[in-house]
């Protein structure tokens, strides 16, 4: 990964690292994130399609096509560690080398507020 593609939090900013991966790789990704110091995450079950080929099945004599595959979306907000470390941990843990491994996105976050305490910015994360 080049340093230009993923900004590091040098200005006290917050980034959202969002990944869409195979469901069976979730345990490895959670462990890898904990090892780099980013244990907080949100996980959502999603379905979608990309480069992974569609599969055909048959049920009661009728043929059907499955072109939306089950995936897991992980959202991890980081402020105190470089986003690049989080991205590398996700890629290393989720990669199988087959189509459908997923994608990782890094987005800047303008502001954050913790509901319980009212803390704002980096302190909220």
N, C-alpha and C. Protein backbone atom coordinates (compact mmCIF):
# COMPACT_ATOMS: atom_id res chain seq x y z
N UNK A 1 0.84 -1.17 0.00
CA UNK A 1 0.00 0.00 0.00
C UNK A 1 0.89 1.24 0.00
N UNK A 2 0.54 2.21 -0.81
CA UNK A 2 1.32 3.43 -0.82
C UNK A 2 0.80 4.38 0.26
N UNK A 3 1.68 5.26 0.73
CA UNK A 3 1.29 6.20 1.78
C UNK A 3 0.31 7.24 1.28
N UNK A 4 0.26 7.47 -0.05
CA UNK A 4 -0.63 8.49 -0.58
C UNK A 4 -2.08 8.03 -0.62
N UNK A 5 -2.35 6.72 -0.72
CA UNK A 5 -3.71 6.24 -0.88
C UNK A 5 -4.50 6.23 0.43
N UNK A 6 -3.82 6.08 1.57
CA UNK A 6 -4.52 6.02 2.86
C UNK A 6 -3.90 7.05 3.79
N UNK A 7 -4.66 8.07 4.15
CA UNK A 7 -4.09 9.09 5.02
C UNK A 7 -3.89 8.58 6.44
N UNK A 8 -2.80 9.00 7.06
CA UNK A 8 -2.56 8.67 8.46
C UNK A 8 -3.10 9.80 9.32
N UNK A 9 -3.60 9.49 10.51
CA UNK A 9 -4.21 10.52 11.35
C UNK A 9 -3.17 11.40 12.03
N UNK A 10 -2.54 12.27 11.25
CA UNK A 10 -1.51 13.13 11.80
C UNK A 10 -2.08 14.42 12.38
N UNK A 11 -3.28 14.81 11.95
CA UNK A 11 -3.87 16.05 12.41
C UNK A 11 -4.91 15.83 13.50
N UNK A 12 -4.88 14.66 14.14
CA UNK A 12 -5.86 14.38 15.17
C UNK A 12 -7.22 14.03 14.61
N UNK A 13 -7.27 13.61 13.33
CA UNK A 13 -8.53 13.31 12.68
C UNK A 13 -9.01 11.90 12.95
N UNK A 14 -10.22 11.64 12.49
CA UNK A 14 -10.85 10.34 12.63
C UNK A 14 -11.11 9.80 11.23
N UNK A 15 -10.85 8.50 11.05
CA UNK A 15 -11.16 7.85 9.78
C UNK A 15 -12.09 6.67 10.02
N UNK A 16 -12.91 6.39 9.02
CA UNK A 16 -13.76 5.21 9.02
C UNK A 16 -13.14 4.22 8.05
N UNK A 17 -12.76 3.06 8.56
CA UNK A 17 -12.29 1.97 7.70
C UNK A 17 -13.46 1.02 7.57
N UNK A 18 -13.92 0.85 6.34
CA UNK A 18 -15.08 0.01 6.06
C UNK A 18 -14.65 -1.11 5.13
N UNK A 19 -15.00 -2.34 5.48
CA UNK A 19 -14.62 -3.49 4.66
C UNK A 19 -15.83 -4.39 4.44
N UNK A 20 -15.91 -4.96 3.25
CA UNK A 20 -16.92 -5.95 2.93
C UNK A 20 -16.15 -7.23 2.62
N UNK A 21 -16.38 -8.27 3.43
CA UNK A 21 -15.58 -9.50 3.33
C UNK A 21 -16.47 -10.73 3.36
N UNK A 22 -15.85 -11.89 3.17
CA UNK A 22 -16.54 -13.17 3.29
C UNK A 22 -16.91 -13.42 4.76
N UNK A 23 -18.09 -13.96 5.02
CA UNK A 23 -18.49 -14.20 6.41
C UNK A 23 -17.57 -15.15 7.17
N UNK A 24 -17.00 -16.13 6.48
CA UNK A 24 -16.16 -17.11 7.16
C UNK A 24 -14.80 -16.54 7.58
N UNK A 25 -14.45 -15.34 7.14
CA UNK A 25 -13.17 -14.72 7.50
C UNK A 25 -13.33 -13.73 8.66
N UNK A 26 -14.54 -13.57 9.17
CA UNK A 26 -14.80 -12.57 10.22
C UNK A 26 -13.98 -12.83 11.48
N UNK A 27 -13.90 -14.06 11.93
CA UNK A 27 -13.14 -14.37 13.14
C UNK A 27 -11.68 -13.98 13.03
N UNK A 28 -11.07 -14.28 11.87
CA UNK A 28 -9.67 -13.93 11.65
C UNK A 28 -9.48 -12.41 11.60
N UNK A 29 -10.43 -11.70 11.00
CA UNK A 29 -10.33 -10.25 10.91
C UNK A 29 -10.48 -9.62 12.29
N UNK A 30 -11.42 -10.11 13.11
CA UNK A 30 -11.58 -9.59 14.47
C UNK A 30 -10.29 -9.76 15.27
N UNK A 31 -9.68 -10.91 15.16
CA UNK A 31 -8.44 -11.17 15.88
C UNK A 31 -7.32 -10.25 15.39
N UNK A 32 -7.21 -10.07 14.07
CA UNK A 32 -6.17 -9.21 13.51
C UNK A 32 -6.37 -7.76 13.93
N UNK A 33 -7.61 -7.29 13.99
CA UNK A 33 -7.88 -5.92 14.42
C UNK A 33 -7.52 -5.73 15.89
N UNK A 34 -7.81 -6.71 16.72
CA UNK A 34 -7.46 -6.62 18.13
C UNK A 34 -5.94 -6.56 18.30
N UNK A 35 -5.20 -7.28 17.46
CA UNK A 35 -3.74 -7.30 17.56
C UNK A 35 -3.10 -5.96 17.19
N UNK A 36 -3.75 -5.19 16.28
CA UNK A 36 -3.19 -3.89 15.90
C UNK A 36 -3.74 -2.76 16.76
N UNK A 37 -4.60 -3.08 17.73
CA UNK A 37 -5.10 -2.06 18.64
C UNK A 37 -6.39 -1.41 18.21
N UNK A 38 -7.17 -2.08 17.37
CA UNK A 38 -8.47 -1.55 16.93
C UNK A 38 -9.56 -2.57 17.21
N UNK A 39 -9.85 -2.83 18.50
CA UNK A 39 -10.82 -3.88 18.82
C UNK A 39 -12.28 -3.48 18.62
N UNK A 40 -12.58 -2.17 18.55
CA UNK A 40 -13.96 -1.71 18.41
C UNK A 40 -14.39 -1.75 16.96
N UNK A 41 -15.51 -2.39 16.69
CA UNK A 41 -16.00 -2.47 15.32
C UNK A 41 -17.50 -2.72 15.32
N UNK A 42 -18.11 -2.45 14.18
CA UNK A 42 -19.52 -2.73 13.96
C UNK A 42 -19.60 -3.71 12.80
N UNK A 43 -20.41 -4.77 12.95
CA UNK A 43 -20.52 -5.80 11.92
C UNK A 43 -21.97 -5.87 11.47
N UNK A 44 -22.17 -5.90 10.15
CA UNK A 44 -23.50 -5.98 9.56
C UNK A 44 -23.50 -7.08 8.51
N UNK A 45 -24.54 -7.91 8.49
CA UNK A 45 -24.69 -8.91 7.43
C UNK A 45 -25.30 -8.22 6.22
N UNK A 46 -24.65 -8.36 5.07
CA UNK A 46 -25.10 -7.74 3.83
C UNK A 46 -25.03 -8.77 2.70
N UNK A 47 -25.60 -8.44 1.57
CA UNK A 47 -25.45 -9.26 0.38
C UNK A 47 -25.15 -8.35 -0.79
N UNK A 48 -24.42 -8.87 -1.75
CA UNK A 48 -24.06 -8.05 -2.90
C UNK A 48 -23.39 -8.89 -3.96
N UNK A 49 -23.00 -8.22 -5.03
CA UNK A 49 -22.30 -8.93 -6.09
C UNK A 49 -21.21 -8.05 -6.65
N UNK A 50 -20.21 -8.69 -7.15
CA UNK A 50 -19.07 -7.99 -7.74
C UNK A 50 -18.43 -8.92 -8.76
N UNK A 51 -17.16 -9.21 -8.57
CA UNK A 51 -16.46 -10.07 -9.51
C UNK A 51 -16.67 -11.55 -9.24
N UNK A 52 -17.26 -11.89 -8.10
CA UNK A 52 -17.51 -13.29 -7.77
C UNK A 52 -18.60 -13.83 -8.70
N UNK A 53 -18.37 -14.98 -9.36
CA UNK A 53 -19.35 -15.48 -10.33
C UNK A 53 -20.64 -15.94 -9.66
N UNK A 54 -21.72 -15.87 -10.43
CA UNK A 54 -23.02 -16.34 -9.95
C UNK A 54 -23.00 -17.87 -9.90
N UNK A 55 -23.80 -18.44 -9.02
CA UNK A 55 -23.92 -19.88 -8.94
C UNK A 55 -25.35 -20.28 -9.29
N UNK A 56 -25.46 -21.47 -9.87
CA UNK A 56 -26.78 -21.97 -10.25
C UNK A 56 -27.16 -23.11 -9.32
N UNK A 57 -28.43 -23.19 -9.02
CA UNK A 57 -28.93 -24.26 -8.18
C UNK A 57 -30.24 -24.78 -8.72
N UNK A 58 -30.73 -25.84 -8.10
CA UNK A 58 -31.99 -26.41 -8.53
C UNK A 58 -32.81 -26.76 -7.29
N UNK A 59 -34.08 -26.40 -7.31
CA UNK A 59 -34.97 -26.69 -6.19
C UNK A 59 -36.32 -27.09 -6.75
N UNK A 60 -36.78 -28.29 -6.41
CA UNK A 60 -38.05 -28.83 -6.89
C UNK A 60 -38.17 -28.77 -8.41
N UNK A 61 -37.09 -29.11 -9.06
CA UNK A 61 -37.09 -29.16 -10.52
C UNK A 61 -36.90 -27.83 -11.21
N UNK A 62 -36.88 -26.75 -10.47
CA UNK A 62 -36.70 -25.42 -11.06
C UNK A 62 -35.26 -24.97 -10.86
N UNK A 63 -34.67 -24.44 -11.91
CA UNK A 63 -33.31 -23.92 -11.81
C UNK A 63 -33.35 -22.45 -11.42
N UNK A 64 -32.42 -22.04 -10.56
CA UNK A 64 -32.35 -20.65 -10.14
C UNK A 64 -30.89 -20.21 -10.10
N UNK A 65 -30.69 -18.91 -10.15
CA UNK A 65 -29.34 -18.32 -10.13
C UNK A 65 -29.19 -17.48 -8.88
N UNK A 66 -28.07 -17.68 -8.21
CA UNK A 66 -27.73 -16.86 -7.04
C UNK A 66 -26.64 -15.90 -7.47
N UNK A 67 -27.00 -14.62 -7.61
CA UNK A 67 -25.98 -13.64 -8.00
C UNK A 67 -25.71 -12.61 -6.90
N UNK A 68 -26.46 -12.69 -5.81
CA UNK A 68 -26.18 -11.87 -4.63
C UNK A 68 -25.60 -12.78 -3.56
N UNK A 69 -24.34 -12.56 -3.19
CA UNK A 69 -23.65 -13.42 -2.25
C UNK A 69 -23.67 -12.80 -0.86
N UNK A 70 -23.74 -13.65 0.16
CA UNK A 70 -23.74 -13.19 1.54
C UNK A 70 -22.34 -12.66 1.90
N UNK A 71 -22.29 -11.49 2.48
CA UNK A 71 -21.03 -10.86 2.90
C UNK A 71 -21.22 -10.27 4.29
N UNK A 72 -20.13 -9.80 4.86
CA UNK A 72 -20.15 -9.13 6.15
C UNK A 72 -19.50 -7.76 5.95
N UNK A 73 -20.17 -6.71 6.42
CA UNK A 73 -19.59 -5.37 6.36
C UNK A 73 -19.07 -5.01 7.75
N UNK A 74 -17.80 -4.61 7.80
CA UNK A 74 -17.16 -4.23 9.04
C UNK A 74 -16.88 -2.74 8.98
N UNK A 75 -17.25 -2.02 10.03
CA UNK A 75 -16.94 -0.60 10.14
C UNK A 75 -16.10 -0.40 11.40
N UNK A 76 -14.98 0.27 11.22
CA UNK A 76 -14.05 0.49 12.33
C UNK A 76 -13.60 1.95 12.28
N UNK A 77 -13.91 2.69 13.33
CA UNK A 77 -13.49 4.09 13.41
C UNK A 77 -12.15 4.15 14.13
N UNK A 78 -11.17 4.81 13.53
CA UNK A 78 -9.84 4.89 14.13
C UNK A 78 -9.40 6.34 14.24
N UNK A 79 -8.71 6.64 15.34
CA UNK A 79 -8.18 7.98 15.55
C UNK A 79 -6.78 7.93 16.11
N UNK A 80 -6.50 6.93 16.93
CA UNK A 80 -5.21 6.88 17.62
C UNK A 80 -4.20 5.95 16.97
N UNK A 81 -4.59 5.21 15.95
CA UNK A 81 -3.65 4.37 15.20
C UNK A 81 -3.81 4.69 13.71
N UNK A 82 -2.77 4.48 12.91
CA UNK A 82 -2.88 4.77 11.48
C UNK A 82 -3.92 3.88 10.80
N UNK A 83 -4.71 4.46 9.94
CA UNK A 83 -5.71 3.71 9.18
C UNK A 83 -5.04 2.65 8.33
N UNK A 84 -3.83 2.90 7.86
CA UNK A 84 -3.12 1.94 7.02
C UNK A 84 -2.87 0.63 7.78
N UNK A 85 -2.59 0.71 9.08
CA UNK A 85 -2.37 -0.50 9.88
C UNK A 85 -3.66 -1.33 9.95
N UNK A 86 -4.79 -0.67 10.08
CA UNK A 86 -6.07 -1.35 10.14
C UNK A 86 -6.38 -2.00 8.78
N UNK A 87 -6.15 -1.27 7.70
CA UNK A 87 -6.39 -1.80 6.36
C UNK A 87 -5.51 -3.03 6.11
N UNK A 88 -4.23 -2.93 6.44
CA UNK A 88 -3.32 -4.06 6.23
C UNK A 88 -3.75 -5.28 7.04
N UNK A 89 -4.21 -5.07 8.27
CA UNK A 89 -4.66 -6.18 9.12
C UNK A 89 -5.88 -6.86 8.51
N UNK A 90 -6.81 -6.07 7.99
CA UNK A 90 -8.02 -6.64 7.37
C UNK A 90 -7.65 -7.43 6.13
N UNK A 91 -6.80 -6.85 5.28
CA UNK A 91 -6.42 -7.53 4.04
C UNK A 91 -5.70 -8.85 4.34
N UNK A 92 -4.75 -8.81 5.26
CA UNK A 92 -3.99 -10.02 5.59
C UNK A 92 -4.90 -11.12 6.14
N UNK A 93 -5.90 -10.76 6.94
CA UNK A 93 -6.77 -11.75 7.57
C UNK A 93 -7.88 -12.23 6.64
N UNK A 94 -8.34 -11.40 5.71
CA UNK A 94 -9.49 -11.74 4.88
C UNK A 94 -9.13 -12.35 3.53
N UNK A 95 -7.89 -12.22 3.13
CA UNK A 95 -7.50 -12.62 1.78
C UNK A 95 -7.42 -14.13 1.62
N UNK A 96 -8.13 -14.65 0.58
CA UNK A 96 -8.03 -16.06 0.23
C UNK A 96 -7.42 -16.24 -1.16
N UNK A 97 -7.38 -15.17 -1.94
CA UNK A 97 -6.85 -15.25 -3.29
C UNK A 97 -7.90 -15.58 -4.34
N UNK A 98 -9.14 -15.76 -3.92
CA UNK A 98 -10.23 -16.10 -4.83
C UNK A 98 -11.10 -14.86 -5.09
N UNK A 99 -11.83 -14.83 -6.22
CA UNK A 99 -12.77 -13.73 -6.43
C UNK A 99 -13.80 -13.70 -5.31
N UNK A 100 -14.17 -12.50 -4.87
CA UNK A 100 -15.16 -12.36 -3.81
C UNK A 100 -14.56 -12.15 -2.44
N UNK A 101 -13.23 -11.92 -2.36
CA UNK A 101 -12.60 -11.68 -1.06
C UNK A 101 -13.09 -10.39 -0.42
N UNK A 102 -13.48 -9.40 -1.22
CA UNK A 102 -14.05 -8.18 -0.68
C UNK A 102 -13.28 -6.94 -1.04
N UNK A 103 -13.64 -5.85 -0.36
CA UNK A 103 -13.03 -4.54 -0.60
C UNK A 103 -12.88 -3.83 0.73
N UNK A 104 -11.94 -2.88 0.78
CA UNK A 104 -11.73 -2.05 1.97
C UNK A 104 -11.75 -0.60 1.53
N UNK A 105 -12.46 0.24 2.28
CA UNK A 105 -12.57 1.67 1.98
C UNK A 105 -12.15 2.46 3.21
N UNK A 106 -11.51 3.61 2.98
CA UNK A 106 -11.12 4.51 4.07
C UNK A 106 -11.76 5.87 3.78
N UNK A 107 -12.53 6.37 4.76
CA UNK A 107 -13.23 7.64 4.59
C UNK A 107 -12.91 8.56 5.76
N UNK A 108 -12.74 9.86 5.50
CA UNK A 108 -12.55 10.80 6.61
C UNK A 108 -13.87 11.02 7.34
N UNK A 109 -13.78 11.26 8.64
CA UNK A 109 -14.96 11.53 9.46
C UNK A 109 -14.86 12.97 9.97
N UNK A 110 -15.87 13.77 9.70
CA UNK A 110 -15.85 15.18 10.09
C UNK A 110 -15.98 15.38 11.59
N UNK A 111 -16.90 14.64 12.21
CA UNK A 111 -17.08 14.81 13.65
C UNK A 111 -17.69 13.54 14.24
N UNK A 112 -17.55 13.43 15.55
CA UNK A 112 -18.13 12.30 16.28
C UNK A 112 -18.50 12.79 17.68
N UNK A 113 -19.61 12.27 18.21
CA UNK A 113 -20.06 12.61 19.56
C UNK A 113 -20.46 11.32 20.25
N UNK A 114 -19.92 11.08 21.44
CA UNK A 114 -20.31 9.92 22.23
C UNK A 114 -21.63 10.24 22.92
N UNK A 115 -22.63 9.41 22.74
CA UNK A 115 -23.98 9.68 23.25
C UNK A 115 -23.99 9.73 24.77
N UNK A 116 -23.39 8.78 25.43
CA UNK A 116 -23.47 8.70 26.90
C UNK A 116 -22.81 9.88 27.59
N UNK A 117 -21.59 10.25 27.15
CA UNK A 117 -20.82 11.28 27.86
C UNK A 117 -20.85 12.65 27.21
N UNK A 118 -21.18 12.72 25.93
CA UNK A 118 -21.15 13.97 25.22
C UNK A 118 -19.76 14.35 24.71
N UNK A 119 -18.78 13.46 24.88
CA UNK A 119 -17.42 13.74 24.38
C UNK A 119 -17.48 13.89 22.87
N UNK A 120 -16.61 14.78 22.36
CA UNK A 120 -16.60 15.04 20.93
C UNK A 120 -15.26 14.77 20.31
N UNK A 121 -15.25 14.59 18.99
CA UNK A 121 -14.00 14.41 18.24
C UNK A 121 -13.30 13.10 18.56
N UNK A 122 -11.98 13.16 18.64
CA UNK A 122 -11.16 11.97 18.88
C UNK A 122 -11.52 11.33 20.22
N UNK A 123 -11.87 12.13 21.22
CA UNK A 123 -12.23 11.59 22.53
C UNK A 123 -13.48 10.70 22.47
N UNK A 124 -14.34 10.94 21.50
CA UNK A 124 -15.56 10.15 21.35
C UNK A 124 -15.28 8.76 20.80
N UNK A 125 -14.20 8.65 20.07
CA UNK A 125 -13.86 7.36 19.45
C UNK A 125 -13.16 6.50 20.48
